C-alpha atoms as a PDB file:
ATOM      1  CA  MET A   1     180.759-193.156 -23.600  1.00  0.00           C
ATOM      2  CA  ASN A   2     182.784-190.101 -22.688  1.00  0.00           C
ATOM      3  CA  PRO A   3     180.420-187.642 -20.915  1.00  0.00           C
ATOM      4  CA  SER A   4     181.940-184.672 -22.742  1.00  0.00           C
ATOM      5  CA  ILE A   5     180.961-186.229 -26.085  1.00  0.00           C
ATOM      6  CA  ALA A   6     177.374-186.645 -24.892  1.00  0.00           C
ATOM      7  CA  LEU A   7     177.323-182.967 -23.909  1.00  0.00           C
ATOM      8  CA  LEU A   8     178.689-181.868 -27.304  1.00  0.00           C
ATOM      9  CA  ALA A   9     176.242-183.848 -29.436  1.00  0.00           C
ATOM     10  CA  PRO A  10     173.040-181.798 -28.844  1.00  0.00           C
ATOM     11  CA  PRO A  11     174.479-178.358 -29.717  1.00  0.00           C
ATOM     12  CA  ILE A  12     176.313-179.663 -32.775  1.00  0.00           C
ATOM     13  CA  SER A  13     173.323-181.602 -34.111  1.00  0.00           C
ATOM     14  CA  GLY A  14     171.091-178.602 -33.354  1.00  0.00           C
ATOM     15  CA  VAL A  15     173.307-176.274 -35.388  1.00  0.00           C
ATOM     16  CA  VAL A  16     173.489-178.758 -38.273  1.00  0.00           C
ATOM     17  CA  THR A  17     169.694-179.245 -38.309  1.00  0.00           C
ATOM     18  CA  ALA A  18     168.919-175.524 -38.115  1.00  0.00           C
ATOM     19  CA  SER A  19     171.482-174.702 -40.813  1.00  0.00           C
ATOM     20  CA  ASN A  20     170.156-177.420 -43.118  1.00  0.00           C
ATOM     21  CA  ALA A  21     166.626-176.087 -42.714  1.00  0.00           C
ATOM     22  CA  LEU A  22     167.722-172.502 -43.389  1.00  0.00           C
ATOM     23  CA  PHE A  23     170.077-173.100 -46.313  1.00  0.00           C
ATOM     24  CA  CYS A  24     167.936-175.737 -48.054  1.00  0.00           C
ATOM     25  CA  VAL A  25     164.860-173.520 -47.943  1.00  0.00           C
ATOM     26  CA  LEU A  26     166.852-170.541 -49.228  1.00  0.00           C
ATOM     27  CA  ALA A  27     168.475-172.538 -52.037  1.00  0.00           C
ATOM     28  CA  GLY A  28     165.238-174.287 -52.993  1.00  0.00           C
ATOM     29  CA  TYR A  29     163.236-171.059 -53.000  1.00  0.00           C
ATOM     30  CA  GLY A  30     165.887-169.202 -54.966  1.00  0.00           C
ATOM     31  CA  LEU A  31     166.166-171.904 -57.612  1.00  0.00           C
ATOM     32  CA  ALA A  32     162.378-172.359 -57.830  1.00  0.00           C
ATOM     33  CA  LYS A  33     161.301-168.732 -58.003  1.00  0.00           C
ATOM     34  CA  PHE A  34     164.124-166.786 -59.658  1.00  0.00           C
ATOM     35  CA  ARG A  35     165.476-167.161 -63.167  1.00  0.00           C
ATOM     36  CA  PHE A  36     169.163-166.428 -63.727  1.00  0.00           C
ATOM     37  CA  PRO A  37     171.807-167.557 -66.216  1.00  0.00           C
ATOM     38  CA  GLY A  38     173.150-170.962 -65.259  1.00  0.00           C
ATOM     39  CA  ASP A  39     170.453-171.804 -62.704  1.00  0.00           C
ATOM     40  CA  ARG A  40     170.119-175.343 -64.111  1.00  0.00           C
ATOM     41  CA  TYR A  41     173.847-175.892 -63.773  1.00  0.00           C
ATOM     42  CA  VAL A  42     173.777-174.696 -60.175  1.00  0.00           C
ATOM     43  CA  LEU A  43     171.081-177.264 -59.366  1.00  0.00           C
ATOM     44  CA  LEU A  44     172.941-180.024 -61.220  1.00  0.00           C
ATOM     45  CA  ILE A  45     176.092-179.253 -59.244  1.00  0.00           C
ATOM     46  CA  ILE A  46     174.145-179.370 -55.983  1.00  0.00           C
ATOM     47  CA  LEU A  47     172.430-182.642 -56.940  1.00  0.00           C
ATOM     48  CA  SER A  48     175.700-184.192 -58.077  1.00  0.00           C
ATOM     49  CA  THR A  49     177.075-183.775 -54.549  1.00  0.00           C
ATOM     50  CA  LEU A  50     174.542-186.377 -53.403  1.00  0.00           C
ATOM     51  CA  MET A  51     176.090-188.936 -55.738  1.00  0.00           C
ATOM     52  CA  LEU A  52     179.572-188.699 -54.244  1.00  0.00           C
ATOM     53  CA  PRO A  53     180.419-191.247 -51.555  1.00  0.00           C
ATOM     54  CA  ILE A  54     181.699-189.777 -48.276  1.00  0.00           C
ATOM     55  CA  GLU A  55     185.156-191.236 -48.952  1.00  0.00           C
ATOM     56  CA  VAL A  56     185.577-188.994 -52.004  1.00  0.00           C
ATOM     57  CA  THR A  57     184.878-185.815 -50.043  1.00  0.00           C
ATOM     58  CA  LEU A  58     186.644-186.745 -46.795  1.00  0.00           C
ATOM     59  CA  VAL A  59     190.134-185.438 -47.641  1.00  0.00           C
ATOM     60  CA  PRO A  60     188.977-182.193 -49.348  1.00  0.00           C
ATOM     61  CA  THR A  61     186.633-181.537 -46.407  1.00  0.00           C
ATOM     62  CA  PHE A  62     189.491-182.047 -43.956  1.00  0.00           C
ATOM     63  CA  LEU A  63     191.724-179.687 -45.944  1.00  0.00           C
ATOM     64  CA  ILE A  64     189.047-176.974 -45.926  1.00  0.00           C
ATOM     65  CA  VAL A  65     188.410-177.393 -42.195  1.00  0.00           C
ATOM     66  CA  HIS A  66     192.182-177.280 -41.601  1.00  0.00           C
ATOM     67  CA  GLN A  67     192.588-174.157 -43.772  1.00  0.00           C
ATOM     68  CA  PHE A  68     189.960-172.356 -41.666  1.00  0.00           C
ATOM     69  CA  ASP A  69     191.830-173.515 -38.528  1.00  0.00           C
ATOM     70  CA  TRP A  70     188.707-175.333 -37.313  1.00  0.00           C
ATOM     71  CA  ILE A  71     190.362-178.609 -36.276  1.00  0.00           C
ATOM     72  CA  ASN A  72     188.874-179.814 -32.937  1.00  0.00           C
ATOM     73  CA  THR A  73     186.207-177.094 -32.893  1.00  0.00           C
ATOM     74  CA  TYR A  74     182.393-177.099 -33.018  1.00  0.00           C
ATOM     75  CA  GLN A  75     182.296-175.424 -36.419  1.00  0.00           C
ATOM     76  CA  GLY A  76     184.783-177.962 -37.798  1.00  0.00           C
ATOM     77  CA  ILE A  77     182.454-180.797 -36.823  1.00  0.00           C
ATOM     78  CA  ALA A  78     179.230-179.129 -38.009  1.00  0.00           C
ATOM     79  CA  ALA A  79     180.311-177.268 -41.170  1.00  0.00           C
ATOM     80  CA  PRO A  80     180.547-180.250 -43.577  1.00  0.00           C
ATOM     81  CA  PHE A  81     176.897-181.159 -42.932  1.00  0.00           C
ATOM     82  CA  LEU A  82     175.220-177.745 -43.160  1.00  0.00           C
ATOM     83  CA  VAL A  83     173.709-177.978 -46.658  1.00  0.00           C
ATOM     84  CA  ASP A  84     172.400-180.833 -48.782  1.00  0.00           C
ATOM     85  CA  ALA A  85     170.417-181.125 -51.992  1.00  0.00           C
ATOM     86  CA  PHE A  86     167.442-182.908 -50.416  1.00  0.00           C
ATOM     87  CA  GLY A  87     165.942-179.553 -49.454  1.00  0.00           C
ATOM     88  CA  ILE A  88     165.840-178.570 -53.106  1.00  0.00           C
ATOM     89  CA  ILE A  89     163.899-181.727 -53.991  1.00  0.00           C
ATOM     90  CA  CYS A  90     161.453-180.863 -51.205  1.00  0.00           C
ATOM     91  CA  GLU A  91     160.903-177.502 -52.920  1.00  0.00           C
ATOM     92  CA  ALA A  92     159.549-179.366 -55.970  1.00  0.00           C
ATOM     93  CA  GLN A  93     156.868-180.847 -53.717  1.00  0.00           C
ATOM     94  CA  ASP A  94     156.198-177.492 -52.038  1.00  0.00           C
ATOM     95  CA  ASN A  95     155.812-175.894 -55.464  1.00  0.00           C
ATOM     96  CA  THR A  96     152.971-178.300 -56.316  1.00  0.00           C
ATOM     97  CA  VAL A  97     151.363-177.960 -52.868  1.00  0.00           C
ATOM     98  CA  ARG A  98     150.952-174.215 -53.472  1.00  0.00           C
ATOM     99  CA  MET A  99     148.866-175.033 -56.569  1.00  0.00           C
ATOM    100  CA  LEU A 100     146.527-177.546 -54.856  1.00  0.00           C
ATOM    101  CA  GLN A 101     143.498-175.274 -54.667  1.00  0.00           C
ATOM    102  CA  PRO A 102     139.780-176.006 -55.198  1.00  0.00           C
ATOM    103  CA  GLY A 103     138.946-175.542 -58.866  1.00  0.00           C
ATOM    104  CA  ALA A 104     142.571-175.780 -60.038  1.00  0.00           C
ATOM    105  CA  SER A 105     143.220-177.430 -63.387  1.00  0.00           C
ATOM    106  CA  CYS A 106     145.128-180.718 -63.146  1.00  0.00           C
ATOM    107  CA  ALA A 107     146.629-180.223 -66.613  1.00  0.00           C
ATOM    108  CA  GLU A 108     147.953-176.783 -65.620  1.00  0.00           C
ATOM    109  CA  ILE A 109     149.469-178.123 -62.387  1.00  0.00           C
ATOM    110  CA  PHE A 110     151.118-180.939 -64.369  1.00  0.00           C
ATOM    111  CA  ALA A 111     152.537-178.490 -66.930  1.00  0.00           C
ATOM    112  CA  GLU A 112     153.840-176.193 -64.177  1.00  0.00           C
ATOM    113  CA  HIS A 113     155.468-179.134 -62.367  1.00  0.00           C
ATOM    114  CA  ASN A 114     157.221-180.279 -65.538  1.00  0.00           C
ATOM    115  CA  ALA A 115     158.377-176.716 -66.242  1.00  0.00           C
ATOM    116  CA  PHE A 116     159.791-176.575 -62.694  1.00  0.00           C
ATOM    117  CA  MET A 117     161.573-179.915 -63.140  1.00  0.00           C
ATOM    118  CA  GLN A 118     163.054-178.969 -66.527  1.00  0.00           C
ATOM    119  CA  LYS A 119     164.131-175.553 -65.258  1.00  0.00           C
ATOM    120  CA  HIS A 120     166.168-177.350 -62.611  1.00  0.00           C
ATOM    121  CA  GLY A 121     167.766-179.801 -65.034  1.00  0.00           C
ATOM    122  CA  MET A 122     165.589-182.762 -64.120  1.00  0.00           C
ATOM    123  CA  HIS A 123     163.525-185.069 -66.299  1.00  0.00           C
ATOM    124  CA  LYS A 124     159.893-184.309 -67.049  1.00  0.00           C
ATOM    125  CA  GLU A 125     157.326-186.495 -65.334  1.00  0.00           C
ATOM    126  CA  PRO A 126     156.027-188.873 -68.047  1.00  0.00           C
ATOM    127  CA  ARG A 127     152.948-190.173 -66.175  1.00  0.00           C
ATOM    128  CA  LEU A 128     151.870-188.460 -62.959  1.00  0.00           C
ATOM    129  CA  HIS A 129     153.445-187.157 -59.753  1.00  0.00           C
ATOM    130  CA  CYS A 130     150.237-186.322 -57.942  1.00  0.00           C
ATOM    131  CA  HIS A 131     146.781-187.907 -57.785  1.00  0.00           C
ATOM    132  CA  GLY A 132     143.701-188.438 -55.696  1.00  0.00           C
ATOM    133  CA  GLN A 133     143.574-191.235 -53.125  1.00  0.00           C
ATOM    134  CA  GLY A 134     140.538-192.864 -51.589  1.00  0.00           C
ATOM    135  CA  TYR A 135     139.522-196.507 -51.558  1.00  0.00           C
ATOM    136  CA  ASP A 136     142.147-197.101 -54.241  1.00  0.00           C
ATOM    137  CA  VAL A 137     145.749-195.950 -54.024  1.00  0.00           C
ATOM    138  CA  VAL A 138     145.430-194.039 -57.307  1.00  0.00           C
ATOM    139  CA  GLU A 139     142.130-192.319 -58.080  1.00  0.00           C
ATOM    140  CA  ARG A 140     140.946-189.304 -59.994  1.00  0.00           C
ATOM    141  CA  PRO A 141     141.763-186.558 -60.240  1.00  0.00           C
ATOM    142  CA  MET A 142     145.164-187.425 -61.663  1.00  0.00           C
ATOM    143  CA  ILE A 143     147.587-184.565 -62.090  1.00  0.00           C
ATOM    144  CA  ARG A 144     148.503-185.171 -65.709  1.00  0.00           C
ATOM    145  CA  HIS A 145     148.135-183.563 -69.121  1.00  0.00           C
ATOM    146  CA  ASP A 146     144.867-185.289 -70.100  1.00  0.00           C
ATOM    147  CA  GLU A 147     142.883-184.928 -66.835  1.00  0.00           C
ATOM    148  CA  ASP A 148     139.771-182.763 -67.205  1.00  0.00           C
ATOM    149  CA  MET A 149     138.537-183.137 -63.619  1.00  0.00           C
ATOM    150  CA  ALA A 150     139.314-180.117 -61.410  1.00  0.00           C
ATOM    151  CA  LEU A 151     140.493-180.285 -57.803  1.00  0.00           C
ATOM    152  CA  GLY A 152     137.872-179.892 -55.091  1.00  0.00           C
ATOM    153  CA  THR A 153     137.544-179.334 -51.362  1.00  0.00           C
ATOM    154  CA  SER A 154     138.067-182.377 -49.083  1.00  0.00           C
ATOM    155  CA  MET A 155     140.131-184.265 -51.675  1.00  0.00           C
ATOM    156  CA  ASN A 156     142.990-186.435 -50.404  1.00  0.00           C
ATOM    157  CA  ILE A 157     145.899-185.910 -52.786  1.00  0.00           C
ATOM    158  CA  GLY A 158     148.990-188.153 -52.926  1.00  0.00           C
ATOM    159  CA  LEU A 159     152.026-186.140 -54.029  1.00  0.00           C
ATOM    160  CA  HIS A 160     155.349-187.792 -54.882  1.00  0.00           C
ATOM    161  CA  PRO A 161     157.687-185.877 -57.218  1.00  0.00           C
ATOM    162  CA  THR A 162     160.823-187.837 -58.103  1.00  0.00           C
ATOM    163  CA  PHE A 163     164.310-187.377 -59.460  1.00  0.00           C
ATOM    164  CA  GLY A 164     166.395-190.286 -60.606  1.00  0.00           C
ATOM    165  CA  ASN A 165     169.335-191.368 -62.690  1.00  0.00           C
ATOM    166  CA  ALA A 166     171.608-194.422 -62.879  1.00  0.00           C
ATOM    167  CA  ARG A 167     173.073-193.831 -59.391  1.00  0.00           C
ATOM    168  CA  LEU A 168     170.438-191.936 -57.451  1.00  0.00           C
ATOM    169  CA  PHE A 169     166.699-191.894 -56.763  1.00  0.00           C
ATOM    170  CA  ILE A 170     165.014-189.201 -54.682  1.00  0.00           C
ATOM    171  CA  THR A 171     161.333-188.835 -53.898  1.00  0.00           C
ATOM    172  CA  VAL A 172     159.267-187.000 -51.334  1.00  0.00           C
ATOM    173  CA  CYS A 173     155.924-188.733 -50.810  1.00  0.00           C
ATOM    174  CA  ASP A 174     153.150-187.225 -48.706  1.00  0.00           C
ATOM    175  CA  ASN A 175     149.366-186.945 -48.671  1.00  0.00           C
ATOM    176  CA  PHE A 176     147.599-183.594 -48.545  1.00  0.00           C
ATOM    177  CA  LEU A 177     144.003-182.747 -47.719  1.00  0.00           C
ATOM    178  CA  ILE A 178     142.513-179.803 -49.589  1.00  0.00           C
ATOM    179  CA  GLY A 179     140.493-177.927 -46.994  1.00  0.00           C
ATOM    180  CA  PRO A 180     137.911-175.184 -47.207  1.00  0.00           C
ATOM    181  CA  GLY A 181     139.204-171.814 -48.318  1.00  0.00           C
ATOM    182  CA  GLY A 182     142.179-173.418 -50.072  1.00  0.00           C
ATOM    183  CA  LYS A 183     143.982-174.484 -46.880  1.00  0.00           C
ATOM    184  CA  VAL A 184     146.138-177.524 -47.693  1.00  0.00           C
ATOM    185  CA  GLU A 185     147.105-179.827 -44.806  1.00  0.00           C
ATOM    186  CA  ASN A 186     149.876-182.434 -44.857  1.00  0.00           C
ATOM    187  CA  ILE A 187     148.285-185.492 -43.205  1.00  0.00           C
ATOM    188  CA  HIS A 188     151.525-187.501 -42.899  1.00  0.00           C
ATOM    189  CA  HIS A 189     153.602-187.671 -39.752  1.00  0.00           C
ATOM    190  CA  THR A 190     156.642-189.312 -41.360  1.00  0.00           C
ATOM    191  CA  PRO A 191     159.605-186.936 -41.073  1.00  0.00           C
ATOM    192  CA  ARG A 192     160.860-185.318 -44.265  1.00  0.00           C
ATOM    193  CA  LYS A 193     164.290-186.888 -44.298  1.00  0.00           C
ATOM    194  CA  ILE A 194     166.529-189.096 -46.379  1.00  0.00           C
ATOM    195  CA  PHE A 195     166.058-192.844 -45.898  1.00  0.00           C
ATOM    196  CA  GLU A 196     168.958-194.913 -47.215  1.00  0.00           C
ATOM    197  CA  LEU A 197     168.266-198.449 -48.434  1.00  0.00           C
END
């Protein structure tokens, strides 16, 4: 391997990672918390970019990089990878995590999650996206419309919101422990990243 390439990789990957974290959080927060005309269409456009194979975007990306005169520069290498829609899907999970508080109503959390999903142009959850876990993989309380059991301290909650269509399936699956005083801890160590199968 060319030593100069090895020296370039860390700063470029660092910029891409930091920019993804910044822009995905900003986009996800903005789309989750603020209502504006066309917000669903904005999310659909962002999500549709995930469905395009790299070959479709290669030439337009090159033309943009060339137009900015970024050929053979750091920013020309990093710019195409700065933002992706996965961060917005993570915001759906974060939105539910904020509601995981002792005494919270499962039916209300379920309704709020479905409102969030519909607001962003996604399908409503028909069964459940969040539930207790113990000896069994799925236990009460179940975050769904007909659950009358409230959340409590020391509950282990599995949370896995999903988005899918004919060409794409996205989920973020983690377990959270509801602590005293409403502190919610993610007990997974698996990185929040896209795994391609």
